[in-house]
Amino acid sequence: MSVRTTLLALFALSMALNAQEPIFWSENDPRCSHQYDKGLLTKAITENHLTVSVSLLDKDGHFLLFVLVMNERTTSIDLLAENIAIWSAIERNKKILHPLPLSKVVPKCNFPALNCDSYAGGINAYIKWLNESALSSSTLAPHKGVTGVVFFPRENKKRNDVIVYLPIGGDTFEFQMSPQFQ
């Protein structure tokens, strides 16, 4: 075996040993909780002085992922909204969905499935809500929290469970969610 091959193998092994396992939401895990609010399921995990809470809504051809992150650490953490992803729980190795930019979420009033009158204040109020509520990438100071919505495309009409993947502050949180629809 060449020196280069040996070094590459050692590097791969060190990466594998240093990789942290994701923290999965599980009903019987004391770090995990859930609650229903107006019919919407919210799941939460508290681990390593971080609390991550998510709800998933299927609305107007998009998945809306509501996220709350509380940093109870003594150091700041980075939250990169663009690294949040979802994929089918059934077809785990299939297509990963990444967040949509807001320009792709803004509905068109002539889109047949969307009733623009259903939003109080019309389409302009809806666009304002999108801009104000979108989760942005940020650095969370100690003992601070952030909430927001991340928008994803819904690729097909099936309402299968999805895995929500959130890398936050050096940890990775995963939730299996059934999209609630409105």
N, C-alpha and C. Protein backbone atom coordinates (compact mmCIF):
# COMPACT_ATOMS: atom_id res chain seq x y z
N MET A 1 0.84 -1.17 0.00
CA MET A 1 0.00 0.00 0.00
C MET A 1 0.89 1.24 0.00
N SER A 2 0.55 2.19 -0.83
CA SER A 2 1.37 3.40 -0.92
C SER A 2 1.15 4.29 0.30
N VAL A 3 2.08 5.21 0.50
CA VAL A 3 1.98 6.17 1.61
C VAL A 3 0.72 7.01 1.44
N ARG A 4 0.43 7.42 0.22
CA ARG A 4 -0.75 8.25 -0.06
C ARG A 4 -2.03 7.49 0.29
N THR A 5 -2.12 6.23 -0.11
CA THR A 5 -3.30 5.41 0.19
C THR A 5 -3.45 5.23 1.69
N THR A 6 -2.35 5.00 2.39
CA THR A 6 -2.39 4.83 3.83
C THR A 6 -2.87 6.11 4.51
N LEU A 7 -2.35 7.25 4.07
CA LEU A 7 -2.77 8.53 4.65
C LEU A 7 -4.24 8.80 4.40
N LEU A 8 -4.70 8.49 3.19
CA LEU A 8 -6.12 8.69 2.87
C LEU A 8 -7.00 7.79 3.73
N ALA A 9 -6.56 6.54 3.93
CA ALA A 9 -7.33 5.62 4.75
C ALA A 9 -7.37 6.10 6.20
N LEU A 10 -6.25 6.58 6.73
CA LEU A 10 -6.22 7.10 8.10
C LEU A 10 -7.09 8.34 8.24
N PHE A 11 -7.06 9.21 7.22
CA PHE A 11 -7.89 10.41 7.24
C PHE A 11 -9.37 10.02 7.25
N ALA A 12 -9.76 9.07 6.40
CA ALA A 12 -11.15 8.63 6.34
C ALA A 12 -11.57 8.02 7.68
N LEU A 13 -10.69 7.24 8.28
CA LEU A 13 -10.99 6.62 9.57
C LEU A 13 -11.16 7.69 10.65
N SER A 14 -10.30 8.69 10.67
CA SER A 14 -10.40 9.74 11.69
C SER A 14 -11.69 10.55 11.50
N MET A 15 -12.07 10.78 10.25
CA MET A 15 -13.32 11.50 9.99
C MET A 15 -14.51 10.68 10.50
N ALA A 16 -14.49 9.39 10.24
CA ALA A 16 -15.58 8.52 10.67
C ALA A 16 -15.67 8.47 12.20
N LEU A 17 -14.53 8.42 12.88
CA LEU A 17 -14.53 8.36 14.33
C LEU A 17 -14.98 9.68 14.96
N ASN A 18 -14.71 10.79 14.28
CA ASN A 18 -15.08 12.10 14.82
C ASN A 18 -16.49 12.52 14.45
N ALA A 19 -17.11 11.81 13.51
CA ALA A 19 -18.45 12.18 13.09
C ALA A 19 -19.44 11.86 14.22
N GLN A 20 -20.31 12.80 14.51
CA GLN A 20 -21.30 12.58 15.54
C GLN A 20 -22.55 11.97 14.93
N GLU A 21 -23.16 11.08 15.67
CA GLU A 21 -24.42 10.50 15.25
C GLU A 21 -25.51 11.56 15.37
N PRO A 22 -26.47 11.55 14.46
CA PRO A 22 -27.59 12.49 14.61
C PRO A 22 -28.39 12.18 15.87
N ILE A 23 -29.05 13.18 16.38
CA ILE A 23 -29.92 13.04 17.54
C ILE A 23 -31.33 12.89 16.98
N PHE A 24 -31.91 11.69 17.13
CA PHE A 24 -33.22 11.40 16.57
C PHE A 24 -34.31 11.62 17.60
N TRP A 25 -35.45 12.17 17.14
CA TRP A 25 -36.61 12.29 18.00
C TRP A 25 -37.21 10.91 18.17
N SER A 26 -37.51 10.54 19.42
CA SER A 26 -38.13 9.26 19.71
C SER A 26 -39.11 9.46 20.86
N GLU A 27 -40.28 8.87 20.73
CA GLU A 27 -41.32 9.06 21.74
C GLU A 27 -40.91 8.63 23.13
N ASN A 28 -40.08 7.61 23.24
CA ASN A 28 -39.70 7.10 24.56
C ASN A 28 -38.39 7.68 25.09
N ASP A 29 -37.83 8.64 24.39
CA ASP A 29 -36.57 9.25 24.80
C ASP A 29 -36.87 10.42 25.73
N PRO A 30 -36.28 10.46 26.93
CA PRO A 30 -36.57 11.55 27.87
C PRO A 30 -36.13 12.93 27.36
N ARG A 31 -35.27 12.98 26.37
CA ARG A 31 -34.85 14.27 25.79
C ARG A 31 -35.90 14.84 24.84
N CYS A 32 -36.90 14.02 24.51
CA CYS A 32 -37.86 14.38 23.47
C CYS A 32 -39.25 14.63 24.07
N SER A 33 -39.98 15.53 23.41
CA SER A 33 -41.35 15.81 23.83
C SER A 33 -42.18 16.14 22.58
N HIS A 34 -43.49 16.18 22.77
CA HIS A 34 -44.38 16.60 21.70
C HIS A 34 -45.65 17.19 22.31
N GLN A 35 -46.33 18.00 21.51
CA GLN A 35 -47.60 18.57 21.92
C GLN A 35 -48.39 18.93 20.68
N TYR A 36 -49.70 19.06 20.86
CA TYR A 36 -50.59 19.51 19.79
C TYR A 36 -51.11 20.88 20.15
N ASP A 37 -51.09 21.78 19.20
CA ASP A 37 -51.65 23.11 19.38
C ASP A 37 -52.53 23.39 18.17
N LYS A 38 -53.83 23.48 18.40
CA LYS A 38 -54.80 23.70 17.33
C LYS A 38 -54.65 22.65 16.24
N GLY A 39 -54.40 21.42 16.64
CA GLY A 39 -54.30 20.32 15.70
C GLY A 39 -52.94 20.14 15.05
N LEU A 40 -52.00 21.04 15.31
CA LEU A 40 -50.68 20.96 14.69
C LEU A 40 -49.70 20.32 15.68
N LEU A 41 -49.07 19.22 15.25
CA LEU A 41 -48.12 18.51 16.09
C LEU A 41 -46.78 19.24 16.10
N THR A 42 -46.24 19.45 17.29
CA THR A 42 -44.91 20.02 17.46
C THR A 42 -44.07 18.99 18.21
N LYS A 43 -42.87 18.70 17.66
CA LYS A 43 -41.93 17.79 18.30
C LYS A 43 -40.71 18.59 18.72
N ALA A 44 -40.11 18.21 19.87
CA ALA A 44 -38.94 18.92 20.38
C ALA A 44 -37.91 17.94 20.93
N ILE A 45 -36.66 18.33 20.80
CA ILE A 45 -35.54 17.60 21.39
C ILE A 45 -34.71 18.61 22.18
N THR A 46 -34.33 18.24 23.41
CA THR A 46 -33.40 19.04 24.20
C THR A 46 -32.16 18.19 24.45
N GLU A 47 -31.02 18.66 23.97
CA GLU A 47 -29.77 17.91 24.09
C GLU A 47 -28.61 18.90 23.99
N ASN A 48 -27.58 18.67 24.79
CA ASN A 48 -26.37 19.51 24.75
C ASN A 48 -26.69 20.99 24.90
N HIS A 49 -27.63 21.30 25.77
CA HIS A 49 -28.03 22.68 26.06
C HIS A 49 -28.64 23.40 24.86
N LEU A 50 -29.24 22.61 23.95
CA LEU A 50 -29.99 23.17 22.82
C LEU A 50 -31.38 22.55 22.83
N THR A 51 -32.38 23.37 22.56
CA THR A 51 -33.72 22.84 22.34
C THR A 51 -34.10 23.19 20.92
N VAL A 52 -34.52 22.17 20.17
CA VAL A 52 -34.96 22.35 18.80
C VAL A 52 -36.37 21.81 18.71
N SER A 53 -37.27 22.63 18.20
CA SER A 53 -38.68 22.28 18.11
C SER A 53 -39.15 22.51 16.68
N VAL A 54 -39.92 21.56 16.13
CA VAL A 54 -40.39 21.68 14.74
C VAL A 54 -41.85 21.26 14.60
N SER A 55 -42.53 21.88 13.64
CA SER A 55 -43.86 21.49 13.17
C SER A 55 -43.80 21.56 11.65
N LEU A 56 -44.56 20.69 10.99
CA LEU A 56 -44.54 20.65 9.52
C LEU A 56 -45.95 20.76 8.99
N LEU A 57 -46.17 21.74 8.14
CA LEU A 57 -47.47 22.00 7.56
C LEU A 57 -47.37 21.89 6.04
N ASP A 58 -48.35 21.28 5.43
CA ASP A 58 -48.43 21.17 3.97
C ASP A 58 -49.49 22.17 3.52
N LYS A 59 -49.06 23.22 2.83
CA LYS A 59 -49.99 24.29 2.44
C LYS A 59 -49.62 24.87 1.08
N ASP A 60 -50.59 24.98 0.22
CA ASP A 60 -50.43 25.62 -1.08
C ASP A 60 -49.27 25.06 -1.89
N GLY A 61 -49.08 23.74 -1.85
CA GLY A 61 -48.04 23.12 -2.66
C GLY A 61 -46.64 23.22 -2.08
N HIS A 62 -46.54 23.65 -0.84
CA HIS A 62 -45.24 23.75 -0.18
C HIS A 62 -45.32 23.10 1.19
N PHE A 63 -44.17 22.68 1.68
CA PHE A 63 -44.05 22.31 3.08
C PHE A 63 -43.56 23.54 3.82
N LEU A 64 -44.22 23.88 4.91
CA LEU A 64 -43.79 24.97 5.78
C LEU A 64 -43.28 24.32 7.07
N LEU A 65 -42.01 24.46 7.32
CA LEU A 65 -41.39 23.90 8.52
C LEU A 65 -41.22 25.03 9.53
N PHE A 66 -41.96 24.95 10.64
CA PHE A 66 -41.86 25.94 11.70
C PHE A 66 -40.77 25.47 12.65
N VAL A 67 -39.79 26.32 12.91
CA VAL A 67 -38.61 25.94 13.69
C VAL A 67 -38.45 26.90 14.87
N LEU A 68 -38.12 26.34 16.03
CA LEU A 68 -37.73 27.13 17.20
C LEU A 68 -36.43 26.53 17.70
N VAL A 69 -35.43 27.38 17.93
CA VAL A 69 -34.15 26.94 18.48
C VAL A 69 -33.84 27.82 19.68
N MET A 70 -33.57 27.17 20.83
CA MET A 70 -33.16 27.87 22.05
C MET A 70 -31.74 27.44 22.39
N ASN A 71 -30.85 28.41 22.52
CA ASN A 71 -29.45 28.14 22.85
C ASN A 71 -29.24 28.41 24.34
N GLU A 72 -29.13 27.35 25.12
CA GLU A 72 -28.87 27.48 26.56
C GLU A 72 -27.39 27.24 26.86
N ARG A 73 -26.56 27.24 25.84
CA ARG A 73 -25.12 27.06 26.03
C ARG A 73 -24.49 28.37 26.51
N THR A 74 -23.26 28.28 26.93
CA THR A 74 -22.53 29.48 27.35
C THR A 74 -21.76 30.10 26.19
N THR A 75 -21.87 29.49 25.01
CA THR A 75 -21.21 30.01 23.81
C THR A 75 -22.24 30.20 22.71
N SER A 76 -21.90 31.03 21.75
CA SER A 76 -22.77 31.26 20.60
C SER A 76 -22.76 30.05 19.68
N ILE A 77 -23.84 29.89 18.92
CA ILE A 77 -23.91 28.82 17.92
C ILE A 77 -24.37 29.41 16.60
N ASP A 78 -24.00 28.74 15.53
CA ASP A 78 -24.43 29.16 14.20
C ASP A 78 -25.63 28.33 13.76
N LEU A 79 -26.62 29.01 13.21
CA LEU A 79 -27.79 28.39 12.64
C LEU A 79 -27.79 28.77 11.16
N LEU A 80 -27.60 27.78 10.29
CA LEU A 80 -27.58 28.02 8.85
C LEU A 80 -28.85 27.44 8.25
N ALA A 81 -29.83 28.31 8.02
CA ALA A 81 -31.14 27.87 7.54
C ALA A 81 -31.03 27.12 6.22
N GLU A 82 -30.07 27.49 5.39
CA GLU A 82 -29.94 26.84 4.08
C GLU A 82 -29.45 25.40 4.19
N ASN A 83 -28.95 24.98 5.35
CA ASN A 83 -28.50 23.60 5.54
C ASN A 83 -29.59 22.67 6.06
N ILE A 84 -30.74 23.23 6.40
CA ILE A 84 -31.86 22.40 6.84
C ILE A 84 -32.41 21.69 5.61
N ALA A 85 -32.77 20.42 5.75
CA ALA A 85 -33.26 19.65 4.61
C ALA A 85 -34.34 18.68 5.06
N ILE A 86 -35.12 18.20 4.10
CA ILE A 86 -36.08 17.12 4.36
C ILE A 86 -35.98 16.11 3.23
N TRP A 87 -36.36 14.87 3.54
CA TRP A 87 -36.46 13.84 2.51
C TRP A 87 -37.51 12.84 2.95
N SER A 88 -37.95 12.03 2.02
CA SER A 88 -38.98 11.03 2.29
C SER A 88 -38.46 10.02 3.30
N ALA A 89 -39.29 9.70 4.30
CA ALA A 89 -38.91 8.69 5.29
C ALA A 89 -38.94 7.30 4.67
N ILE A 90 -39.74 7.13 3.64
CA ILE A 90 -39.86 5.83 2.97
C ILE A 90 -38.71 5.63 1.99
N GLU A 91 -38.38 6.67 1.25
CA GLU A 91 -37.34 6.60 0.22
C GLU A 91 -36.13 7.39 0.69
N ARG A 92 -35.54 7.00 1.80
CA ARG A 92 -34.50 7.79 2.46
C ARG A 92 -33.34 8.16 1.54
N ASN A 93 -32.96 7.30 0.63
CA ASN A 93 -31.82 7.60 -0.24
C ASN A 93 -32.24 8.26 -1.54
N LYS A 94 -33.44 8.72 -1.60
CA LYS A 94 -33.93 9.39 -2.80
C LYS A 94 -33.62 10.88 -2.70
N LYS A 95 -34.46 11.68 -3.30
CA LYS A 95 -34.20 13.10 -3.44
C LYS A 95 -34.30 13.87 -2.12
N ILE A 96 -33.26 14.65 -1.85
CA ILE A 96 -33.24 15.53 -0.68
C ILE A 96 -33.80 16.88 -1.12
N LEU A 97 -34.71 17.42 -0.33
CA LEU A 97 -35.30 18.73 -0.64
C LEU A 97 -34.60 19.79 0.20
N HIS A 98 -34.18 20.85 -0.46
CA HIS A 98 -33.52 21.96 0.21
C HIS A 98 -34.48 23.14 0.27
N PRO A 99 -34.26 24.08 1.19
CA PRO A 99 -35.17 25.22 1.33
C PRO A 99 -35.30 26.01 0.04
N LEU A 100 -36.50 26.54 -0.15
CA LEU A 100 -36.77 27.40 -1.30
C LEU A 100 -36.45 28.84 -0.95
N PRO A 101 -35.88 29.58 -1.90
CA PRO A 101 -35.77 31.03 -1.68
C PRO A 101 -37.18 31.64 -1.68
N LEU A 102 -37.35 32.73 -0.97
CA LEU A 102 -38.69 33.34 -0.87
C LEU A 102 -39.27 33.69 -2.23
N SER A 103 -38.43 34.02 -3.20
CA SER A 103 -38.94 34.36 -4.53
C SER A 103 -39.67 33.20 -5.17
N LYS A 104 -39.37 31.96 -4.76
CA LYS A 104 -40.04 30.78 -5.30
C LYS A 104 -41.29 30.42 -4.51
N VAL A 105 -41.48 31.02 -3.34
CA VAL A 105 -42.60 30.68 -2.49
C VAL A 105 -43.78 31.61 -2.75
N VAL A 106 -43.50 32.84 -3.14
CA VAL A 106 -44.56 33.82 -3.33
C VAL A 106 -45.54 33.29 -4.37
N PRO A 107 -46.79 33.12 -3.97
CA PRO A 107 -47.77 32.53 -4.88
C PRO A 107 -48.21 33.50 -5.96
N LYS A 108 -48.70 32.93 -7.03
CA LYS A 108 -49.28 33.72 -8.12
C LYS A 108 -50.80 33.69 -7.93
N CYS A 109 -51.44 34.83 -8.03
CA CYS A 109 -52.89 34.88 -7.80
C CYS A 109 -53.67 34.08 -8.83
N ASN A 110 -53.08 33.82 -9.99
CA ASN A 110 -53.81 33.05 -10.98
C ASN A 110 -53.53 31.56 -10.86
N PHE A 111 -52.74 31.17 -9.85
CA PHE A 111 -52.47 29.75 -9.62
C PHE A 111 -53.78 29.12 -9.16
N PRO A 112 -54.28 28.10 -9.89
CA PRO A 112 -55.63 27.60 -9.62
C PRO A 112 -55.86 27.06 -8.21
N ALA A 113 -54.85 26.48 -7.57
CA ALA A 113 -55.06 25.88 -6.25
C ALA A 113 -55.04 26.92 -5.13
N LEU A 114 -54.69 28.16 -5.44
CA LEU A 114 -54.54 29.17 -4.40
C LEU A 114 -55.68 30.18 -4.47
N ASN A 115 -56.34 30.37 -3.37
CA ASN A 115 -57.38 31.37 -3.29
C ASN A 115 -56.79 32.57 -2.56
N CYS A 116 -56.41 33.61 -3.33
CA CYS A 116 -55.73 34.76 -2.73
C CYS A 116 -56.61 35.50 -1.73
N ASP A 117 -57.92 35.34 -1.85
CA ASP A 117 -58.82 36.00 -0.91
C ASP A 117 -58.81 35.33 0.45
N SER A 118 -58.21 34.11 0.53
CA SER A 118 -58.21 33.39 1.80
C SER A 118 -57.22 33.99 2.79
N TYR A 119 -56.35 34.87 2.36
CA TYR A 119 -55.40 35.50 3.25
C TYR A 119 -55.94 36.85 3.67
N ALA A 120 -56.02 37.07 4.99
CA ALA A 120 -56.51 38.35 5.48
C ALA A 120 -55.60 39.44 4.93
N GLY A 121 -56.16 40.40 4.26
CA GLY A 121 -55.36 41.48 3.70
C GLY A 121 -54.88 41.17 2.29
N GLY A 122 -55.23 40.01 1.75
CA GLY A 122 -54.89 39.67 0.37
C GLY A 122 -53.45 39.23 0.20
N ILE A 123 -53.04 39.20 -1.05
CA ILE A 123 -51.74 38.65 -1.40
C ILE A 123 -50.59 39.49 -0.85
N ASN A 124 -50.76 40.80 -0.76
CA ASN A 124 -49.68 41.65 -0.23
C ASN A 124 -49.42 41.35 1.24
N ALA A 125 -50.47 41.08 2.00
CA ALA A 125 -50.29 40.72 3.41
C ALA A 125 -49.60 39.37 3.53
N TYR A 126 -49.92 38.45 2.61
CA TYR A 126 -49.28 37.13 2.63
C TYR A 126 -47.78 37.25 2.33
N ILE A 127 -47.44 38.06 1.34
CA ILE A 127 -46.03 38.26 0.98
C ILE A 127 -45.27 38.90 2.14
N LYS A 128 -45.90 39.85 2.81
CA LYS A 128 -45.28 40.50 3.97
C LYS A 128 -45.04 39.46 5.07
N TRP A 129 -46.05 38.58 5.32
CA TRP A 129 -45.90 37.53 6.33
C TRP A 129 -44.74 36.60 5.97
N LEU A 130 -44.63 36.23 4.69
CA LEU A 130 -43.53 35.36 4.26
C LEU A 130 -42.19 35.98 4.60
N ASN A 131 -42.01 37.23 4.26
CA ASN A 131 -40.74 37.92 4.49
C ASN A 131 -40.42 38.07 5.98
N GLU A 132 -41.44 38.33 6.79
CA GLU A 132 -41.21 38.55 8.22
C GLU A 132 -41.00 37.25 8.99
N SER A 133 -41.56 36.15 8.50
CA SER A 133 -41.52 34.92 9.29
C SER A 133 -40.46 33.92 8.82
N ALA A 134 -39.82 34.17 7.69
CA ALA A 134 -38.82 33.22 7.19
C ALA A 134 -37.64 33.13 8.16
N LEU A 135 -37.21 31.89 8.42
CA LEU A 135 -36.04 31.67 9.28
C LEU A 135 -34.80 32.08 8.52
N SER A 136 -33.98 32.92 9.12
CA SER A 136 -32.73 33.33 8.48
C SER A 136 -31.55 32.72 9.21
N SER A 137 -30.48 32.58 8.46
CA SER A 137 -29.24 32.12 9.08
C SER A 137 -28.78 33.19 10.07
N SER A 138 -28.27 32.73 11.22
CA SER A 138 -27.85 33.70 12.23
C SER A 138 -26.91 33.03 13.23
N THR A 139 -26.29 33.85 14.03
CA THR A 139 -25.51 33.36 15.16
C THR A 139 -26.33 33.64 16.41
N LEU A 140 -26.63 32.57 17.15
CA LEU A 140 -27.42 32.72 18.36
C LEU A 140 -26.50 32.89 19.56
N ALA A 141 -26.65 34.00 20.24
CA ALA A 141 -25.88 34.26 21.45
C ALA A 141 -26.33 33.31 22.56
N PRO A 142 -25.52 33.16 23.59
CA PRO A 142 -25.92 32.32 24.72
C PRO A 142 -27.26 32.77 25.31
N HIS A 143 -28.09 31.80 25.66
CA HIS A 143 -29.39 32.03 26.29
C HIS A 143 -30.33 32.85 25.43
N LYS A 144 -30.21 32.70 24.11
CA LYS A 144 -31.12 33.38 23.17
C LYS A 144 -31.79 32.32 22.30
N GLY A 145 -32.88 32.70 21.69
CA GLY A 145 -33.61 31.79 20.81
C GLY A 145 -34.04 32.48 19.54
N VAL A 146 -34.50 31.68 18.59
CA VAL A 146 -34.98 32.21 17.33
C VAL A 146 -36.10 31.30 16.83
N THR A 147 -37.06 31.90 16.15
CA THR A 147 -38.13 31.14 15.50
C THR A 147 -38.24 31.59 14.06
N GLY A 148 -38.80 30.74 13.25
CA GLY A 148 -39.03 31.11 11.87
C GLY A 148 -39.57 29.94 11.07
N VAL A 149 -39.86 30.21 9.81
CA VAL A 149 -40.42 29.21 8.91
C VAL A 149 -39.42 28.98 7.79
N VAL A 150 -39.25 27.71 7.42
CA VAL A 150 -38.43 27.33 6.27
C VAL A 150 -39.38 26.69 5.27
N PHE A 151 -39.29 27.10 4.02
CA PHE A 151 -40.20 26.65 2.98
C PHE A 151 -39.51 25.62 2.08
N PHE A 152 -40.24 24.54 1.76
CA PHE A 152 -39.71 23.48 0.90
C PHE A 152 -40.72 23.19 -0.20
N PRO A 153 -40.23 22.74 -1.36
CA PRO A 153 -41.17 22.31 -2.39
C PRO A 153 -41.82 20.99 -1.99
N ARG A 154 -43.04 20.77 -2.43
CA ARG A 154 -43.66 19.46 -2.29
C ARG A 154 -43.63 18.85 -3.67
N GLU A 155 -42.81 17.85 -3.85
CA GLU A 155 -42.54 17.28 -5.17
C GLU A 155 -43.69 16.44 -5.72
N ASN A 156 -44.45 15.80 -4.85
CA ASN A 156 -45.55 14.99 -5.35
C ASN A 156 -46.74 15.15 -4.42
N LYS A 157 -47.86 14.56 -4.81
CA LYS A 157 -49.07 14.74 -4.03
C LYS A 157 -49.21 13.76 -2.88
N LYS A 158 -48.30 12.79 -2.81
CA LYS A 158 -48.34 11.84 -1.69
C LYS A 158 -48.01 12.57 -0.40
N ARG A 159 -48.68 12.18 0.65
CA ARG A 159 -48.45 12.82 1.95
C ARG A 159 -47.71 11.85 2.87
N ASN A 160 -46.58 11.36 2.39
CA ASN A 160 -45.77 10.43 3.17
C ASN A 160 -45.01 11.17 4.26
N ASP A 161 -44.60 10.41 5.27
CA ASP A 161 -43.74 10.96 6.31
C ASP A 161 -42.42 11.42 5.71
N VAL A 162 -41.85 12.44 6.31
CA VAL A 162 -40.54 12.93 5.88
C VAL A 162 -39.61 12.98 7.08
N ILE A 163 -38.32 12.98 6.79
CA ILE A 163 -37.29 13.19 7.80
C ILE A 163 -36.87 14.65 7.71
N VAL A 164 -36.93 15.35 8.82
CA VAL A 164 -36.47 16.74 8.90
C VAL A 164 -35.07 16.71 9.50
N TYR A 165 -34.11 17.32 8.80
CA TYR A 165 -32.70 17.30 9.16
C TYR A 165 -32.25 18.72 9.48
N LEU A 166 -31.80 18.95 10.72
CA LEU A 166 -31.38 20.28 11.15
C LEU A 166 -29.99 20.22 11.78
N PRO A 167 -28.94 20.64 11.06
CA PRO A 167 -27.62 20.74 11.68
C PRO A 167 -27.49 22.08 12.40
N ILE A 168 -27.33 22.03 13.72
CA ILE A 168 -27.31 23.27 14.51
C ILE A 168 -26.23 23.16 15.58
N GLY A 169 -25.35 24.14 15.63
CA GLY A 169 -24.36 24.23 16.70
C GLY A 169 -23.49 23.01 16.87
N GLY A 170 -23.11 22.34 15.80
CA GLY A 170 -22.26 21.16 15.89
C GLY A 170 -23.02 19.86 16.13
N ASP A 171 -24.32 19.94 16.34
CA ASP A 171 -25.17 18.76 16.50
C ASP A 171 -26.11 18.67 15.30
N THR A 172 -26.59 17.46 15.04
CA THR A 172 -27.57 17.26 13.99
C THR A 172 -28.81 16.65 14.61
N PHE A 173 -29.94 17.29 14.39
CA PHE A 173 -31.22 16.84 14.92
C PHE A 173 -32.06 16.29 13.77
N GLU A 174 -32.70 15.15 14.00
CA GLU A 174 -33.57 14.56 12.98
C GLU A 174 -34.91 14.21 13.60
N PHE A 175 -35.96 14.56 12.86
CA PHE A 175 -37.33 14.30 13.28
C PHE A 175 -38.05 13.60 12.14
N GLN A 176 -38.79 12.54 12.44
CA GLN A 176 -39.70 11.98 11.44
C GLN A 176 -41.04 12.66 11.64
N MET A 177 -41.56 13.27 10.58
CA MET A 177 -42.78 14.07 10.68
C MET A 177 -43.80 13.63 9.63
N SER A 178 -45.07 13.70 10.00
CA SER A 178 -46.15 13.55 9.06
C SER A 178 -46.67 14.95 8.77
N PRO A 179 -46.59 15.41 7.52
CA PRO A 179 -47.06 16.77 7.24
C PRO A 179 -48.55 16.92 7.58
N GLN A 180 -48.86 17.95 8.35
CA GLN A 180 -50.25 18.30 8.63
C GLN A 180 -50.69 19.19 7.46
N PHE A 181 -51.92 19.06 7.02
CA PHE A 181 -52.28 19.91 5.88
C PHE A 181 -53.45 20.80 6.22
N GLN A 182 -53.45 21.96 5.52
CA GLN A 182 -54.47 22.98 5.69
C GLN A 182 -55.04 23.33 4.36
